[in-house]
Amino acid sequence: MENVLTLDARLLESALASLVDGLAIFDTDARVVYWNPRLENFFGLAPPQMLGTQATDAMNRLAARTTAPETTQGQLLEACAQPAS
């Protein structure tokens, strides 16, 4: 059973890492627990820099790296406030 779980975890990691879009996953305490390579490519922020970061700090760091930080920050906050549909 452990081998199956290890294989499943590796397959999931591979799938998430190969996404064309950037993906961050947060835990129930709103800390970054996963940061895929695409986000690093887009924003120049490596996973070690972001893992454990609070969601609001992560959004501030992302927004600061855009051409319109205030607009981007507002969009990120709005997107996070939306319930999943």
N, C-alpha and C. Protein backbone atom coordinates (compact mmCIF):
# COMPACT_ATOMS: atom_id res chain seq x y z
N MET A 1 0.82 -1.19 0.00
CA MET A 1 0.00 0.00 0.00
C MET A 1 0.87 1.26 0.00
N GLU A 2 1.95 1.25 0.78
CA GLU A 2 2.83 2.41 0.85
C GLU A 2 3.42 2.74 -0.51
N ASN A 3 3.78 1.71 -1.28
CA ASN A 3 4.33 1.94 -2.62
C ASN A 3 3.32 2.61 -3.53
N VAL A 4 2.05 2.23 -3.41
CA VAL A 4 0.99 2.84 -4.22
C VAL A 4 0.84 4.30 -3.85
N LEU A 5 0.85 4.61 -2.54
CA LEU A 5 0.73 6.00 -2.10
C LEU A 5 1.92 6.83 -2.57
N THR A 6 3.11 6.26 -2.51
CA THR A 6 4.30 6.96 -2.97
C THR A 6 4.20 7.24 -4.47
N LEU A 7 3.75 6.26 -5.22
CA LEU A 7 3.58 6.43 -6.67
C LEU A 7 2.52 7.48 -6.94
N ASP A 8 1.39 7.44 -6.22
CA ASP A 8 0.35 8.44 -6.40
C ASP A 8 0.86 9.84 -6.09
N ALA A 9 1.64 9.99 -5.04
CA ALA A 9 2.19 11.29 -4.68
C ALA A 9 3.15 11.78 -5.75
N ARG A 10 3.96 10.90 -6.30
CA ARG A 10 4.89 11.30 -7.36
C ARG A 10 4.15 11.69 -8.63
N LEU A 11 3.08 10.95 -8.96
CA LEU A 11 2.29 11.29 -10.14
C LEU A 11 1.61 12.65 -9.96
N LEU A 12 1.07 12.90 -8.78
CA LEU A 12 0.43 14.18 -8.50
C LEU A 12 1.46 15.30 -8.58
N GLU A 13 2.61 15.13 -7.98
CA GLU A 13 3.66 16.14 -8.02
C GLU A 13 4.07 16.42 -9.47
N SER A 14 4.21 15.39 -10.26
CA SER A 14 4.58 15.55 -11.66
C SER A 14 3.51 16.31 -12.43
N ALA A 15 2.26 15.97 -12.18
CA ALA A 15 1.15 16.65 -12.87
C ALA A 15 1.10 18.13 -12.50
N LEU A 16 1.23 18.43 -11.22
CA LEU A 16 1.19 19.82 -10.77
C LEU A 16 2.37 20.61 -11.29
N ALA A 17 3.53 20.02 -11.31
CA ALA A 17 4.74 20.69 -11.77
C ALA A 17 4.72 20.98 -13.26
N SER A 18 3.96 20.17 -14.02
CA SER A 18 3.95 20.34 -15.47
C SER A 18 2.81 21.22 -15.97
N LEU A 19 2.02 21.80 -15.07
CA LEU A 19 0.94 22.68 -15.49
C LEU A 19 1.48 23.88 -16.25
N VAL A 20 0.73 24.34 -17.23
CA VAL A 20 1.10 25.54 -17.98
C VAL A 20 0.85 26.78 -17.12
N ASP A 21 -0.15 26.70 -16.26
CA ASP A 21 -0.48 27.82 -15.37
C ASP A 21 0.29 27.73 -14.07
N GLY A 22 0.46 28.87 -13.44
CA GLY A 22 1.05 28.89 -12.11
C GLY A 22 0.05 28.39 -11.09
N LEU A 23 0.52 27.68 -10.09
CA LEU A 23 -0.36 27.13 -9.06
C LEU A 23 0.29 27.22 -7.70
N ALA A 24 -0.43 27.81 -6.77
CA ALA A 24 -0.03 27.81 -5.36
C ALA A 24 -1.14 27.11 -4.59
N ILE A 25 -0.76 26.29 -3.63
CA ILE A 25 -1.73 25.61 -2.77
C ILE A 25 -1.46 26.08 -1.35
N PHE A 26 -2.54 26.40 -0.65
CA PHE A 26 -2.46 26.91 0.71
C PHE A 26 -3.09 25.92 1.68
N ASP A 27 -2.57 25.85 2.90
CA ASP A 27 -3.16 24.98 3.91
C ASP A 27 -4.30 25.71 4.62
N THR A 28 -4.87 25.09 5.62
CA THR A 28 -6.01 25.68 6.33
C THR A 28 -5.62 26.91 7.15
N ASP A 29 -4.34 27.12 7.37
CA ASP A 29 -3.87 28.32 8.06
C ASP A 29 -3.42 29.41 7.08
N ALA A 30 -3.78 29.23 5.80
CA ALA A 30 -3.46 30.18 4.73
C ALA A 30 -1.97 30.36 4.51
N ARG A 31 -1.21 29.28 4.67
CA ARG A 31 0.23 29.29 4.37
C ARG A 31 0.46 28.53 3.06
N VAL A 32 1.43 28.98 2.29
CA VAL A 32 1.79 28.30 1.04
C VAL A 32 2.41 26.94 1.38
N VAL A 33 1.82 25.88 0.82
CA VAL A 33 2.38 24.54 1.02
C VAL A 33 2.86 23.95 -0.31
N TYR A 34 2.51 24.58 -1.42
CA TYR A 34 2.99 24.14 -2.72
C TYR A 34 3.08 25.35 -3.64
N TRP A 35 4.17 25.41 -4.41
CA TRP A 35 4.43 26.52 -5.34
C TRP A 35 5.03 25.88 -6.58
N ASN A 36 4.29 25.85 -7.68
CA ASN A 36 4.81 25.10 -8.82
C ASN A 36 5.86 25.89 -9.62
N PRO A 37 6.64 25.20 -10.43
CA PRO A 37 7.73 25.85 -11.17
C PRO A 37 7.25 26.98 -12.08
N ARG A 38 6.03 26.89 -12.58
CA ARG A 38 5.51 27.93 -13.47
C ARG A 38 5.42 29.28 -12.75
N LEU A 39 5.00 29.26 -11.48
CA LEU A 39 4.97 30.51 -10.72
C LEU A 39 6.37 31.09 -10.57
N GLU A 40 7.33 30.22 -10.37
CA GLU A 40 8.72 30.69 -10.29
C GLU A 40 9.12 31.34 -11.61
N ASN A 41 8.76 30.71 -12.73
CA ASN A 41 9.08 31.26 -14.05
C ASN A 41 8.41 32.62 -14.26
N PHE A 42 7.14 32.73 -13.86
CA PHE A 42 6.39 33.97 -14.05
C PHE A 42 6.91 35.12 -13.19
N PHE A 43 7.18 34.83 -11.92
CA PHE A 43 7.44 35.89 -10.96
C PHE A 43 8.85 35.92 -10.38
N GLY A 44 9.65 34.89 -10.68
CA GLY A 44 11.01 34.87 -10.16
C GLY A 44 11.09 34.58 -8.66
N LEU A 45 10.05 33.98 -8.13
CA LEU A 45 10.02 33.62 -6.71
C LEU A 45 10.07 32.10 -6.60
N ALA A 46 11.17 31.58 -6.08
CA ALA A 46 11.37 30.14 -6.00
C ALA A 46 10.56 29.54 -4.84
N PRO A 47 10.21 28.26 -4.95
CA PRO A 47 9.45 27.61 -3.87
C PRO A 47 10.06 27.81 -2.48
N PRO A 48 11.38 27.68 -2.29
CA PRO A 48 11.92 27.88 -0.93
C PRO A 48 11.64 29.28 -0.37
N GLN A 49 11.51 30.28 -1.26
CA GLN A 49 11.20 31.63 -0.82
C GLN A 49 9.75 31.76 -0.38
N MET A 50 8.88 30.90 -0.91
CA MET A 50 7.45 31.08 -0.71
C MET A 50 6.81 30.07 0.24
N LEU A 51 7.37 28.89 0.35
CA LEU A 51 6.77 27.88 1.22
C LEU A 51 6.69 28.37 2.65
N GLY A 52 5.52 28.23 3.25
CA GLY A 52 5.30 28.68 4.61
C GLY A 52 4.85 30.13 4.71
N THR A 53 4.88 30.85 3.59
CA THR A 53 4.47 32.26 3.57
C THR A 53 2.96 32.37 3.73
N GLN A 54 2.51 33.34 4.49
CA GLN A 54 1.08 33.59 4.64
C GLN A 54 0.52 34.05 3.29
N ALA A 55 -0.75 33.75 3.03
CA ALA A 55 -1.39 34.08 1.76
C ALA A 55 -1.31 35.57 1.43
N THR A 56 -1.56 36.42 2.41
CA THR A 56 -1.53 37.86 2.13
C THR A 56 -0.12 38.33 1.76
N ASP A 57 0.89 37.77 2.42
CA ASP A 57 2.27 38.12 2.08
C ASP A 57 2.62 37.61 0.68
N ALA A 58 2.17 36.40 0.36
CA ALA A 58 2.42 35.84 -0.98
C ALA A 58 1.78 36.73 -2.05
N MET A 59 0.55 37.16 -1.82
CA MET A 59 -0.14 38.02 -2.79
C MET A 59 0.58 39.36 -2.92
N ASN A 60 1.05 39.90 -1.81
CA ASN A 60 1.79 41.17 -1.86
C ASN A 60 3.08 41.02 -2.66
N ARG A 61 3.78 39.92 -2.46
CA ARG A 61 5.03 39.68 -3.21
C ARG A 61 4.75 39.54 -4.70
N LEU A 62 3.68 38.82 -5.04
CA LEU A 62 3.33 38.67 -6.46
C LEU A 62 2.97 40.02 -7.07
N ALA A 63 2.11 40.75 -6.39
CA ALA A 63 1.66 42.04 -6.91
C ALA A 63 2.82 43.00 -7.11
N ALA A 64 3.78 42.98 -6.20
CA ALA A 64 4.93 43.88 -6.29
C ALA A 64 5.76 43.64 -7.53
N ARG A 65 5.63 42.48 -8.13
CA ARG A 65 6.44 42.14 -9.31
C ARG A 65 5.69 42.38 -10.61
N THR A 66 4.55 43.04 -10.56
CA THR A 66 3.78 43.33 -11.76
C THR A 66 3.88 44.81 -12.11
N THR A 67 3.37 45.17 -13.29
CA THR A 67 3.41 46.56 -13.71
C THR A 67 2.33 47.40 -13.04
N ALA A 68 1.29 46.76 -12.51
CA ALA A 68 0.21 47.47 -11.82
C ALA A 68 -0.06 46.79 -10.48
N PRO A 69 0.84 46.97 -9.51
CA PRO A 69 0.73 46.25 -8.25
C PRO A 69 -0.60 46.40 -7.52
N GLU A 70 -1.14 47.62 -7.47
CA GLU A 70 -2.39 47.82 -6.73
C GLU A 70 -3.55 47.10 -7.40
N THR A 71 -3.61 47.15 -8.73
CA THR A 71 -4.67 46.45 -9.46
C THR A 71 -4.53 44.95 -9.28
N THR A 72 -3.32 44.45 -9.41
CA THR A 72 -3.07 43.02 -9.27
C THR A 72 -3.42 42.54 -7.87
N GLN A 73 -3.02 43.30 -6.86
CA GLN A 73 -3.32 42.91 -5.48
C GLN A 73 -4.83 42.85 -5.26
N GLY A 74 -5.57 43.82 -5.77
CA GLY A 74 -7.02 43.81 -5.65
C GLY A 74 -7.64 42.62 -6.34
N GLN A 75 -7.14 42.28 -7.52
CA GLN A 75 -7.65 41.12 -8.26
C GLN A 75 -7.36 39.82 -7.52
N LEU A 76 -6.17 39.70 -6.95
CA LEU A 76 -5.83 38.49 -6.20
C LEU A 76 -6.72 38.35 -4.97
N LEU A 77 -6.90 39.43 -4.24
CA LEU A 77 -7.76 39.38 -3.05
C LEU A 77 -9.20 39.03 -3.41
N GLU A 78 -9.67 39.61 -4.50
CA GLU A 78 -11.04 39.33 -4.95
C GLU A 78 -11.18 37.87 -5.36
N ALA A 79 -10.21 37.36 -6.07
CA ALA A 79 -10.26 35.97 -6.53
C ALA A 79 -10.24 35.01 -5.33
N CYS A 80 -9.49 35.33 -4.32
CA CYS A 80 -9.42 34.47 -3.13
C CYS A 80 -10.69 34.53 -2.31
N ALA A 81 -11.42 35.63 -2.40
CA ALA A 81 -12.65 35.77 -1.63
C ALA A 81 -13.82 35.06 -2.29
N GLN A 82 -13.68 34.73 -3.58
CA GLN A 82 -14.76 34.08 -4.32
C GLN A 82 -14.87 32.62 -3.91
N PRO A 83 -16.09 32.15 -3.63
CA PRO A 83 -16.23 30.71 -3.39
C PRO A 83 -16.00 29.94 -4.69
N ALA A 84 -15.45 28.77 -4.57
CA ALA A 84 -15.20 27.93 -5.75
C ALA A 84 -16.53 27.59 -6.38
N SER A 85 -16.57 27.66 -7.71
CA SER A 85 -17.82 27.31 -8.41
C SER A 85 -17.64 26.08 -9.25
